[in-house]
Amino acid sequence: MAEKDIAEKTLEAYNDVFADIVNVLLFQGRQFVKEDELEEESPNSSYKADGKLHAQERDVAKYWKKGLVRIALYGLENQTDIDSDMPLRVFSYDGAAYRAQFLTDKEMKEKTGKTAPRYPVVTLVLYFGYDRHWKTPRTLFECLKIPEEIKPYVNDYRMNLYEIAYLSDEQVQMFTSDFKIVADYFVQMRKNKNYVASEVTIKHVHELLQLMAVMTQDNRFENAYSADMERRTMTMCEVLDRVENRGIQKGEDTILTLMDYLLSNDRTEDAKKATKDKAYRNKLLTEVFGNKQ
């Protein structure tokens, strides 16, 4: 999960991608949040438990500002697996953000006598699984075992969960950043278990390919990257051509290495049989290279 978080973070940290996600998922594609209105916020916070301070970290967090005024703090959390404790995690992230405002306000009052403005905290949980819906808790109530007698006095807390693979085609088309490619990939995989690339131009090529490599567990996406891709217009169609070529080249190189190994070890008959019998060749590949080929 950590590796996936890192890959996702590199793409979503760009203001154009971040604003695009917020505008589509929260505002139905209306351009409320502009990328130049976003400001980096440290994703780190801490909480005290057992007499010790413990660190916690969001995936991505940004302030939404109009001039010098903070309108809101947005946080993005990426999930490729279902986490039944996610409402508790979001509650702790948001609580830490509100506590930070309280402390800032307290410090400002002591120094200037003025009150610091308060702003809302909004966290979006992006779930990328495409083989099943998120059927575990989405609210704080669903995480807790609450006696009926005290339930009226317990405050609930709902997380904003978005299942990317289950977005409608209309929602996918609302995206204007590289996230459109990401959303389209997961929607197609959910529907057809197959991905047909579009002609949408990629802006952040390296970051997108890193994400695709991690999500698909296919390193050919990242291996297909080269610096020249940043200097010209690239689409996923072109990327997939490179990925396929890399796969073919790797397969050819592996077979040549196998033949060299067999001939070097006086296994001429095995080499001859492997050139005609695919099943036997695959057996030898597993014998020589294990599952690494």
C-alpha atoms as a PDB file:
ATOM      1  CA  MET A   1       0.000   0.000   0.000  1.00  0.00           C
ATOM      2  CA  ALA A   2       2.826   2.378   0.819  1.00  0.00           C
ATOM      3  CA  GLU A   3       4.323   2.066  -2.655  1.00  0.00           C
ATOM      4  CA  LYS A   4       0.933   2.740  -4.223  1.00  0.00           C
ATOM      5  CA  ASP A   5       0.417   5.774  -2.026  1.00  0.00           C
ATOM      6  CA  ILE A   6       3.757   7.198  -3.142  1.00  0.00           C
ATOM      7  CA  ALA A   7       2.962   6.765  -6.829  1.00  0.00           C
ATOM      8  CA  GLU A   8      -0.494   8.292  -6.500  1.00  0.00           C
ATOM      9  CA  LYS A   9       0.845  11.184  -4.489  1.00  0.00           C
ATOM     10  CA  THR A  10       3.278  12.289  -7.196  1.00  0.00           C
ATOM     11  CA  LEU A  11       0.447  12.748  -9.690  1.00  0.00           C
ATOM     12  CA  GLU A  12      -2.180  14.237  -7.370  1.00  0.00           C
ATOM     13  CA  ALA A  13       0.287  16.690  -5.842  1.00  0.00           C
ATOM     14  CA  TYR A  14       0.087  18.758  -9.056  1.00  0.00           C
ATOM     15  CA  ASN A  15      -2.403  21.580  -8.570  1.00  0.00           C
ATOM     16  CA  ASP A  16      -4.133  21.008 -11.914  1.00  0.00           C
ATOM     17  CA  VAL A  17      -4.817  17.360 -11.026  1.00  0.00           C
ATOM     18  CA  PHE A  18      -5.809  18.128  -7.437  1.00  0.00           C
ATOM     19  CA  ALA A  19      -8.236  20.910  -8.462  1.00  0.00           C
ATOM     20  CA  ASP A  20      -9.679  18.706 -11.206  1.00  0.00           C
ATOM     21  CA  ILE A  21     -10.461  15.889  -8.749  1.00  0.00           C
ATOM     22  CA  VAL A  22     -12.146  18.264  -6.300  1.00  0.00           C
ATOM     23  CA  ASN A  23     -14.162  20.057  -8.989  1.00  0.00           C
ATOM     24  CA  VAL A  24     -15.513  16.871 -10.563  1.00  0.00           C
ATOM     25  CA  LEU A  25     -16.208  14.859  -7.432  1.00  0.00           C
ATOM     26  CA  LEU A  26     -17.553  17.667  -5.243  1.00  0.00           C
ATOM     27  CA  PHE A  27     -18.919  20.198  -7.722  1.00  0.00           C
ATOM     28  CA  GLN A  28     -20.035  18.043 -10.685  1.00  0.00           C
ATOM     29  CA  GLY A  29     -17.380  19.492 -12.978  1.00  0.00           C
ATOM     30  CA  ARG A  30     -17.996  23.156 -12.196  1.00  0.00           C
ATOM     31  CA  GLN A  31     -14.686  25.030 -11.964  1.00  0.00           C
ATOM     32  CA  PHE A  32     -15.021  26.281  -8.404  1.00  0.00           C
ATOM     33  CA  VAL A  33     -11.445  25.572  -7.351  1.00  0.00           C
ATOM     34  CA  LYS A  34      -8.711  27.068  -9.549  1.00  0.00           C
ATOM     35  CA  GLU A  35      -5.257  25.514  -9.533  1.00  0.00           C
ATOM     36  CA  ASP A  36      -3.607  28.853  -8.727  1.00  0.00           C
ATOM     37  CA  GLU A  37      -5.795  29.075  -5.598  1.00  0.00           C
ATOM     38  CA  LEU A  38      -4.226  25.975  -4.075  1.00  0.00           C
ATOM     39  CA  GLU A  39      -1.367  26.112  -1.616  1.00  0.00           C
ATOM     40  CA  GLU A  40       0.665  23.238  -0.208  1.00  0.00           C
ATOM     41  CA  GLU A  41      -0.072  22.110   3.314  1.00  0.00           C
ATOM     42  CA  SER A  42       2.091  19.725   5.265  1.00  0.00           C
ATOM     43  CA  PRO A  43       0.327  16.339   5.304  1.00  0.00           C
ATOM     44  CA  ASN A  44       1.905  15.557   8.672  1.00  0.00           C
ATOM     45  CA  SER A  45       0.166  15.819  12.044  1.00  0.00           C
ATOM     46  CA  SER A  46       0.414  14.040  15.371  1.00  0.00           C
ATOM     47  CA  TYR A  47      -1.729  12.748  18.193  1.00  0.00           C
ATOM     48  CA  LYS A  48      -1.030  11.780  21.784  1.00  0.00           C
ATOM     49  CA  ALA A  49      -1.692   8.261  23.037  1.00  0.00           C
ATOM     50  CA  ASP A  50      -0.230   6.293  25.936  1.00  0.00           C
ATOM     51  CA  GLY A  51       1.663   9.408  26.960  1.00  0.00           C
ATOM     52  CA  LYS A  52       3.527   9.522  23.628  1.00  0.00           C
ATOM     53  CA  LEU A  53       3.249  11.555  20.435  1.00  0.00           C
ATOM     54  CA  HIS A  54       2.486   9.536  17.292  1.00  0.00           C
ATOM     55  CA  ALA A  55       2.858  10.851  13.747  1.00  0.00           C
ATOM     56  CA  GLN A  56       0.172  10.489  11.105  1.00  0.00           C
ATOM     57  CA  GLU A  57       0.299  11.535   7.471  1.00  0.00           C
ATOM     58  CA  ARG A  58      -2.310  12.301   4.856  1.00  0.00           C
ATOM     59  CA  ASP A  59      -1.663  11.371   1.235  1.00  0.00           C
ATOM     60  CA  VAL A  60      -2.102  14.911  -0.131  1.00  0.00           C
ATOM     61  CA  ALA A  61      -3.381  18.098   1.528  1.00  0.00           C
ATOM     62  CA  LYS A  62      -3.820  21.615   0.114  1.00  0.00           C
ATOM     63  CA  TYR A  63      -5.330  24.895   1.244  1.00  0.00           C
ATOM     64  CA  TRP A  64      -7.913  26.533  -0.992  1.00  0.00           C
ATOM     65  CA  LYS A  65      -7.325  30.283  -0.788  1.00  0.00           C
ATOM     66  CA  LYS A  66      -8.867  33.432  -2.200  1.00  0.00           C
ATOM     67  CA  GLY A  67      -6.115  36.003  -1.914  1.00  0.00           C
ATOM     68  CA  LEU A  68      -4.877  35.732   1.672  1.00  0.00           C
ATOM     69  CA  VAL A  69      -8.072  34.159   2.975  1.00  0.00           C
ATOM     70  CA  ARG A  70      -8.221  30.410   3.497  1.00  0.00           C
ATOM     71  CA  ILE A  71     -11.546  29.035   2.274  1.00  0.00           C
ATOM     72  CA  ALA A  72     -10.974  25.360   3.121  1.00  0.00           C
ATOM     73  CA  LEU A  73      -8.418  22.628   3.599  1.00  0.00           C
ATOM     74  CA  TYR A  74      -8.806  19.714   1.204  1.00  0.00           C
ATOM     75  CA  GLY A  75      -7.252  16.318   1.796  1.00  0.00           C
ATOM     76  CA  LEU A  76      -7.041  13.329  -0.557  1.00  0.00           C
ATOM     77  CA  GLU A  77      -6.673   9.766   0.683  1.00  0.00           C
ATOM     78  CA  ASN A  78      -5.949   6.974  -1.800  1.00  0.00           C
ATOM     79  CA  GLN A  79      -7.177   3.436  -1.189  1.00  0.00           C
ATOM     80  CA  THR A  80      -6.487   0.480  -3.445  1.00  0.00           C
ATOM     81  CA  ASP A  81      -7.724  -1.907  -0.753  1.00  0.00           C
ATOM     82  CA  ILE A  82     -10.793  -1.701   1.461  1.00  0.00           C
ATOM     83  CA  ASP A  83     -10.040  -0.513   5.000  1.00  0.00           C
ATOM     84  CA  SER A  84     -12.825  -0.964   7.560  1.00  0.00           C
ATOM     85  CA  ASP A  85     -11.097   1.559   9.847  1.00  0.00           C
ATOM     86  CA  MET A  86     -11.014   4.312   7.234  1.00  0.00           C
ATOM     87  CA  PRO A  87     -13.731   6.451   8.909  1.00  0.00           C
ATOM     88  CA  LEU A  88     -11.620   6.467  12.089  1.00  0.00           C
ATOM     89  CA  ARG A  89      -8.524   7.475  10.145  1.00  0.00           C
ATOM     90  CA  VAL A  90     -10.324  10.309   8.360  1.00  0.00           C
ATOM     91  CA  PHE A  91     -11.832  11.462  11.650  1.00  0.00           C
ATOM     92  CA  SER A  92      -8.338  11.639  13.176  1.00  0.00           C
ATOM     93  CA  TYR A  93      -6.906  13.549  10.181  1.00  0.00           C
ATOM     94  CA  ASP A  94      -9.721  16.093  10.203  1.00  0.00           C
ATOM     95  CA  GLY A  95      -9.617  16.410  13.985  1.00  0.00           C
ATOM     96  CA  ALA A  96      -5.884  17.164  13.861  1.00  0.00           C
ATOM     97  CA  ALA A  97      -6.520  19.852  11.224  1.00  0.00           C
ATOM     98  CA  TYR A  98      -9.188  21.519  13.362  1.00  0.00           C
ATOM     99  CA  ARG A  99      -6.957  21.345  16.426  1.00  0.00           C
ATOM    100  CA  ALA A 100      -4.201  23.076  14.432  1.00  0.00           C
ATOM    101  CA  GLN A 101      -6.648  25.910  13.718  1.00  0.00           C
ATOM    102  CA  PHE A 102      -7.515  26.125  17.411  1.00  0.00           C
ATOM    103  CA  LEU A 103      -3.842  26.403  18.354  1.00  0.00           C
ATOM    104  CA  THR A 104      -3.200  29.019  15.637  1.00  0.00           C
ATOM    105  CA  ASP A 105      -6.153  31.035  16.881  1.00  0.00           C
ATOM    106  CA  LYS A 106      -4.907  30.825  20.457  1.00  0.00           C
ATOM    107  CA  GLU A 107      -1.424  31.980  19.415  1.00  0.00           C
ATOM    108  CA  MET A 108      -2.816  34.905  17.394  1.00  0.00           C
ATOM    109  CA  LYS A 109      -5.006  36.077  20.250  1.00  0.00           C
ATOM    110  CA  GLU A 110      -2.025  36.072  22.601  1.00  0.00           C
ATOM    111  CA  LYS A 111       0.118  38.060  20.152  1.00  0.00           C
ATOM    112  CA  THR A 112      -2.365  40.457  18.529  1.00  0.00           C
ATOM    113  CA  GLY A 113      -5.635  40.164  20.412  1.00  0.00           C
ATOM    114  CA  LYS A 114      -7.331  39.238  17.125  1.00  0.00           C
ATOM    115  CA  THR A 115      -9.135  36.035  16.227  1.00  0.00           C
ATOM    116  CA  ALA A 116      -7.799  33.803  13.454  1.00  0.00           C
ATOM    117  CA  PRO A 117     -10.434  32.917  10.821  1.00  0.00           C
ATOM    118  CA  ARG A 118     -11.729  29.332  10.931  1.00  0.00           C
ATOM    119  CA  TYR A 119     -12.269  27.248   7.806  1.00  0.00           C
ATOM    120  CA  PRO A 120     -13.738  23.811   7.018  1.00  0.00           C
ATOM    121  CA  VAL A 121     -11.737  20.657   6.413  1.00  0.00           C
ATOM    122  CA  VAL A 122     -12.897  18.346   3.611  1.00  0.00           C
ATOM    123  CA  THR A 123     -11.343  14.926   3.033  1.00  0.00           C
ATOM    124  CA  LEU A 124     -11.992  12.856  -0.080  1.00  0.00           C
ATOM    125  CA  VAL A 125     -11.254   9.125   0.011  1.00  0.00           C
ATOM    126  CA  LEU A 126     -10.527   7.790  -3.476  1.00  0.00           C
ATOM    127  CA  TYR A 127     -11.046   4.037  -3.754  1.00  0.00           C
ATOM    128  CA  PHE A 128      -9.455   2.470  -6.843  1.00  0.00           C
ATOM    129  CA  GLY A 129     -10.643  -1.137  -6.503  1.00  0.00           C
ATOM    130  CA  TYR A 130     -12.581  -2.349  -9.547  1.00  0.00           C
ATOM    131  CA  ASP A 131     -13.465  -5.935  -8.616  1.00  0.00           C
ATOM    132  CA  ARG A 132     -15.845  -5.102  -5.758  1.00  0.00           C
ATOM    133  CA  HIS A 133     -17.675  -2.209  -4.142  1.00  0.00           C
ATOM    134  CA  TRP A 134     -16.601  -0.691  -0.826  1.00  0.00           C
ATOM    135  CA  LYS A 135     -18.989  -2.533   1.510  1.00  0.00           C
ATOM    136  CA  THR A 136     -17.277  -1.854   4.830  1.00  0.00           C
ATOM    137  CA  PRO A 137     -17.966   1.137   7.145  1.00  0.00           C
ATOM    138  CA  ARG A 138     -18.297   4.605   5.694  1.00  0.00           C
ATOM    139  CA  THR A 139     -19.326   6.327   8.927  1.00  0.00           C
ATOM    140  CA  LEU A 140     -18.046   6.485  12.473  1.00  0.00           C
ATOM    141  CA  PHE A 141     -21.262   4.865  13.755  1.00  0.00           C
ATOM    142  CA  GLU A 142     -20.617   1.828  11.557  1.00  0.00           C
ATOM    143  CA  CYS A 143     -17.172   1.382  13.126  1.00  0.00           C
ATOM    144  CA  LEU A 144     -18.436   1.435  16.699  1.00  0.00           C
ATOM    145  CA  LYS A 145     -20.496  -0.834  18.888  1.00  0.00           C
ATOM    146  CA  ILE A 146     -22.791   1.703  20.564  1.00  0.00           C
ATOM    147  CA  PRO A 147     -25.318   0.813  23.280  1.00  0.00           C
ATOM    148  CA  GLU A 148     -28.755   2.131  22.311  1.00  0.00           C
ATOM    149  CA  GLU A 149     -28.998   4.044  25.585  1.00  0.00           C
ATOM    150  CA  ILE A 150     -26.124   6.374  24.698  1.00  0.00           C
ATOM    151  CA  LYS A 151     -26.455   6.417  20.901  1.00  0.00           C
ATOM    152  CA  PRO A 152     -28.384   9.750  20.889  1.00  0.00           C
ATOM    153  CA  TYR A 153     -25.391  11.380  22.562  1.00  0.00           C
ATOM    154  CA  VAL A 154     -22.697  10.041  20.219  1.00  0.00           C
ATOM    155  CA  ASN A 155     -21.849  12.225  17.223  1.00  0.00           C
ATOM    156  CA  ASP A 156     -21.559  10.449  13.894  1.00  0.00           C
ATOM    157  CA  TYR A 157     -18.930  11.270  11.274  1.00  0.00           C
ATOM    158  CA  ARG A 158     -19.241  10.371   7.595  1.00  0.00           C
ATOM    159  CA  MET A 159     -16.328  10.090   5.213  1.00  0.00           C
ATOM    160  CA  ASN A 160     -16.605  11.277   1.607  1.00  0.00           C
ATOM    161  CA  LEU A 161     -15.901   8.071  -0.333  1.00  0.00           C
ATOM    162  CA  TYR A 162     -15.601   8.002  -4.130  1.00  0.00           C
ATOM    163  CA  GLU A 163     -15.302   4.696  -5.974  1.00  0.00           C
ATOM    164  CA  ILE A 164     -13.292   5.701  -9.034  1.00  0.00           C
ATOM    165  CA  ALA A 165     -13.987   2.516 -11.015  1.00  0.00           C
ATOM    166  CA  TYR A 166     -17.732   3.043 -10.545  1.00  0.00           C
ATOM    167  CA  LEU A 167     -17.889   6.618 -11.829  1.00  0.00           C
ATOM    168  CA  SER A 168     -20.245   7.142 -14.746  1.00  0.00           C
ATOM    169  CA  ASP A 169     -18.931   7.772 -18.247  1.00  0.00           C
ATOM    170  CA  GLU A 170     -20.291  11.321 -17.943  1.00  0.00           C
ATOM    171  CA  GLN A 171     -18.265  11.900 -14.771  1.00  0.00           C
ATOM    172  CA  VAL A 172     -15.089  10.564 -16.379  1.00  0.00           C
ATOM    173  CA  GLN A 173     -15.529  12.981 -19.274  1.00  0.00           C
ATOM    174  CA  MET A 174     -15.726  15.894 -16.829  1.00  0.00           C
ATOM    175  CA  PHE A 175     -12.073  15.494 -15.846  1.00  0.00           C
ATOM    176  CA  THR A 176      -9.699  17.778 -17.721  1.00  0.00           C
ATOM    177  CA  SER A 177      -6.365  16.706 -16.196  1.00  0.00           C
ATOM    178  CA  ASP A 178      -4.364  13.477 -16.403  1.00  0.00           C
ATOM    179  CA  PHE A 179      -6.763  12.053 -13.830  1.00  0.00           C
ATOM    180  CA  LYS A 180      -9.212  11.487 -16.703  1.00  0.00           C
ATOM    181  CA  ILE A 181      -6.827   8.786 -17.989  1.00  0.00           C
ATOM    182  CA  VAL A 182      -6.607   7.204 -14.550  1.00  0.00           C
ATOM    183  CA  ALA A 183     -10.382   7.204 -14.026  1.00  0.00           C
ATOM    184  CA  ASP A 184     -11.006   5.905 -17.553  1.00  0.00           C
ATOM    185  CA  TYR A 185      -8.563   3.041 -16.975  1.00  0.00           C
ATOM    186  CA  PHE A 186     -10.297   1.826 -13.804  1.00  0.00           C
ATOM    187  CA  VAL A 187     -13.797   2.217 -15.236  1.00  0.00           C
ATOM    188  CA  GLN A 188     -12.834   0.184 -18.300  1.00  0.00           C
ATOM    189  CA  MET A 189     -11.169  -2.498 -16.180  1.00  0.00           C
ATOM    190  CA  ARG A 190     -14.313  -2.758 -14.052  1.00  0.00           C
ATOM    191  CA  LYS A 191     -16.570  -3.052 -17.106  1.00  0.00           C
ATOM    192  CA  ASN A 192     -14.499  -5.141 -19.502  1.00  0.00           C
ATOM    193  CA  LYS A 193     -11.374  -6.335 -17.647  1.00  0.00           C
ATOM    194  CA  ASN A 194      -9.581  -4.724 -20.564  1.00  0.00           C
ATOM    195  CA  TYR A 195      -8.227  -1.270 -21.322  1.00  0.00           C
ATOM    196  CA  VAL A 196      -8.404   0.499 -24.681  1.00  0.00           C
ATOM    197  CA  ALA A 197      -6.354   3.687 -24.639  1.00  0.00           C
ATOM    198  CA  SER A 198      -7.741   7.018 -25.764  1.00  0.00           C
ATOM    199  CA  GLU A 199      -6.055   9.852 -27.643  1.00  0.00           C
ATOM    200  CA  VAL A 200      -6.087  12.151 -24.592  1.00  0.00           C
ATOM    201  CA  THR A 201      -2.767  13.990 -24.271  1.00  0.00           C
ATOM    202  CA  ILE A 202      -0.722  13.305 -21.138  1.00  0.00           C
ATOM    203  CA  LYS A 203       0.685  16.328 -19.307  1.00  0.00           C
ATOM    204  CA  HIS A 204       2.618  14.693 -16.448  1.00  0.00           C
ATOM    205  CA  VAL A 205       4.015  11.703 -18.318  1.00  0.00           C
ATOM    206  CA  HIS A 206       6.486  10.285 -15.812  1.00  0.00           C
ATOM    207  CA  GLU A 207       4.140  10.575 -12.840  1.00  0.00           C
ATOM    208  CA  LEU A 208       1.269   8.983 -14.716  1.00  0.00           C
ATOM    209  CA  LEU A 209       3.402   6.050 -15.869  1.00  0.00           C
ATOM    210  CA  GLN A 210       4.680   5.535 -12.324  1.00  0.00           C
ATOM    211  CA  LEU A 211       1.098   5.320 -11.159  1.00  0.00           C
ATOM    212  CA  MET A 212       0.107   2.903 -13.919  1.00  0.00           C
ATOM    213  CA  ALA A 213       3.117   0.692 -13.180  1.00  0.00           C
ATOM    214  CA  VAL A 214       2.206   0.399  -9.516  1.00  0.00           C
ATOM    215  CA  MET A 215      -1.522  -0.035 -10.041  1.00  0.00           C
ATOM    216  CA  THR A 216      -1.172  -2.694 -12.733  1.00  0.00           C
ATOM    217  CA  GLN A 217       1.924  -4.301 -11.178  1.00  0.00           C
ATOM    218  CA  ASP A 218       3.438  -4.084 -14.646  1.00  0.00           C
ATOM    219  CA  ASN A 219       6.817  -2.350 -14.592  1.00  0.00           C
ATOM    220  CA  ARG A 220       6.792  -2.034 -18.371  1.00  0.00           C
ATOM    221  CA  PHE A 221       4.802   1.196 -17.948  1.00  0.00           C
ATOM    222  CA  GLU A 222       7.596   2.822 -16.003  1.00  0.00           C
ATOM    223  CA  ASN A 223      10.317   1.132 -18.050  1.00  0.00           C
ATOM    224  CA  ALA A 224       8.751   2.535 -21.219  1.00  0.00           C
ATOM    225  CA  TYR A 225       9.428   6.058 -19.961  1.00  0.00           C
ATOM    226  CA  SER A 226      12.220   8.114 -21.459  1.00  0.00           C
ATOM    227  CA  ALA A 227      13.066  11.811 -21.168  1.00  0.00           C
ATOM    228  CA  ASP A 228      12.116  12.488 -24.800  1.00  0.00           C
ATOM    229  CA  MET A 229       8.465  11.797 -23.870  1.00  0.00           C
ATOM    230  CA  GLU A 230       8.435  15.083 -21.939  1.00  0.00           C
ATOM    231  CA  ARG A 231       9.471  17.063 -24.999  1.00  0.00           C
ATOM    232  CA  ARG A 232       6.590  16.140 -27.286  1.00  0.00           C
ATOM    233  CA  THR A 233       2.900  15.317 -27.213  1.00  0.00           C
ATOM    234  CA  MET A 234       2.219  11.859 -25.771  1.00  0.00           C
ATOM    235  CA  THR A 235      -0.975   9.832 -25.570  1.00  0.00           C
ATOM    236  CA  MET A 236      -1.709   6.513 -23.884  1.00  0.00           C
ATOM    237  CA  CYS A 237      -1.939   4.906 -27.329  1.00  0.00           C
ATOM    238  CA  GLU A 238       1.721   5.750 -27.930  1.00  0.00           C
ATOM    239  CA  VAL A 239       2.631   4.666 -24.421  1.00  0.00           C
ATOM    240  CA  LEU A 240       0.962   1.284 -24.884  1.00  0.00           C
ATOM    241  CA  ASP A 241       2.863   0.813 -28.159  1.00  0.00           C
ATOM    242  CA  ARG A 242       6.111   1.317 -26.250  1.00  0.00           C
ATOM    243  CA  VAL A 243       4.941  -0.959 -23.457  1.00  0.00           C
ATOM    244  CA  GLU A 244       4.090  -3.709 -25.925  1.00  0.00           C
ATOM    245  CA  ASN A 245       7.409  -3.325 -27.726  1.00  0.00           C
ATOM    246  CA  ARG A 246       9.262  -3.520 -24.421  1.00  0.00           C
ATOM    247  CA  GLY A 247       7.357  -6.703 -23.615  1.00  0.00           C
ATOM    248  CA  ILE A 248       8.234  -8.274 -26.974  1.00  0.00           C
ATOM    249  CA  GLN A 249      11.900  -7.250 -26.636  1.00  0.00           C
ATOM    250  CA  LYS A 250      12.080  -8.628 -23.101  1.00  0.00           C
ATOM    251  CA  GLY A 251      10.578 -11.925 -24.264  1.00  0.00           C
ATOM    252  CA  GLU A 252      13.089 -12.227 -27.097  1.00  0.00           C
ATOM    253  CA  ASP A 253      16.006 -11.391 -24.796  1.00  0.00           C
ATOM    254  CA  THR A 254      14.846 -13.994 -22.266  1.00  0.00           C
ATOM    255  CA  ILE A 255      14.631 -16.752 -24.893  1.00  0.00           C
ATOM    256  CA  LEU A 256      18.090 -15.898 -26.231  1.00  0.00           C
ATOM    257  CA  THR A 257      19.471 -16.032 -22.691  1.00  0.00           C
ATOM    258  CA  LEU A 258      17.827 -19.430 -22.179  1.00  0.00           C
ATOM    259  CA  MET A 259      19.357 -20.793 -25.387  1.00  0.00           C
ATOM    260  CA  ASP A 260      22.791 -19.492 -24.407  1.00  0.00           C
ATOM    261  CA  TYR A 261      22.439 -21.157 -21.009  1.00  0.00           C
ATOM    262  CA  LEU A 262      21.359 -24.510 -22.488  1.00  0.00           C
ATOM    263  CA  LEU A 263      24.122 -24.585 -25.114  1.00  0.00           C
ATOM    264  CA  SER A 264      26.751 -23.511 -22.577  1.00  0.00           C
ATOM    265  CA  ASN A 265      25.718 -26.443 -20.377  1.00  0.00           C
ATOM    266  CA  ASP A 266      25.791 -29.013 -23.214  1.00  0.00           C
ATOM    267  CA  ARG A 267      22.010 -29.307 -23.298  1.00  0.00           C
ATOM    268  CA  THR A 268      21.743 -29.206 -27.085  1.00  0.00           C
ATOM    269  CA  GLU A 269      18.755 -31.535 -27.271  1.00  0.00           C
ATOM    270  CA  ASP A 270      16.838 -29.393 -24.780  1.00  0.00           C
ATOM    271  CA  ALA A 271      17.625 -26.316 -26.864  1.00  0.00           C
ATOM    272  CA  LYS A 272      16.391 -27.992 -30.067  1.00  0.00           C
ATOM    273  CA  LYS A 273      13.178 -29.179 -28.433  1.00  0.00           C
ATOM    274  CA  ALA A 274      12.563 -25.742 -26.877  1.00  0.00           C
ATOM    275  CA  THR A 275      12.595 -24.084 -30.323  1.00  0.00           C
ATOM    276  CA  LYS A 276       9.636 -26.235 -31.467  1.00  0.00           C
ATOM    277  CA  ASP A 277       7.701 -27.017 -28.262  1.00  0.00           C
ATOM    278  CA  LYS A 278       6.307 -23.932 -26.489  1.00  0.00           C
ATOM    279  CA  ALA A 279       5.153 -25.853 -23.412  1.00  0.00           C
ATOM    280  CA  TYR A 280       8.582 -27.428 -23.039  1.00  0.00           C
ATOM    281  CA  ARG A 281      10.253 -24.034 -23.529  1.00  0.00           C
ATOM    282  CA  ASN A 282       8.106 -22.534 -20.778  1.00  0.00           C
ATOM    283  CA  LYS A 283       9.017 -25.423 -18.505  1.00  0.00           C
ATOM    284  CA  LEU A 284      12.719 -24.731 -19.109  1.00  0.00           C
ATOM    285  CA  LEU A 285      12.230 -21.007 -18.534  1.00  0.00           C
ATOM    286  CA  THR A 286      10.714 -21.761 -15.146  1.00  0.00           C
ATOM    287  CA  GLU A 287      13.501 -24.220 -14.375  1.00  0.00           C
ATOM    288  CA  VAL A 288      16.257 -21.750 -15.248  1.00  0.00           C
ATOM    289  CA  PHE A 289      14.762 -18.408 -14.229  1.00  0.00           C
ATOM    290  CA  GLY A 290      12.045 -19.393 -11.763  1.00  0.00           C
ATOM    291  CA  ASN A 291       9.197 -16.850 -11.877  1.00  0.00           C
ATOM    292  CA  LYS A 292      11.473 -13.938 -12.782  1.00  0.00           C
ATOM    293  CA  GLN A 293      11.116 -14.108 -16.549  1.00  0.00           C
END
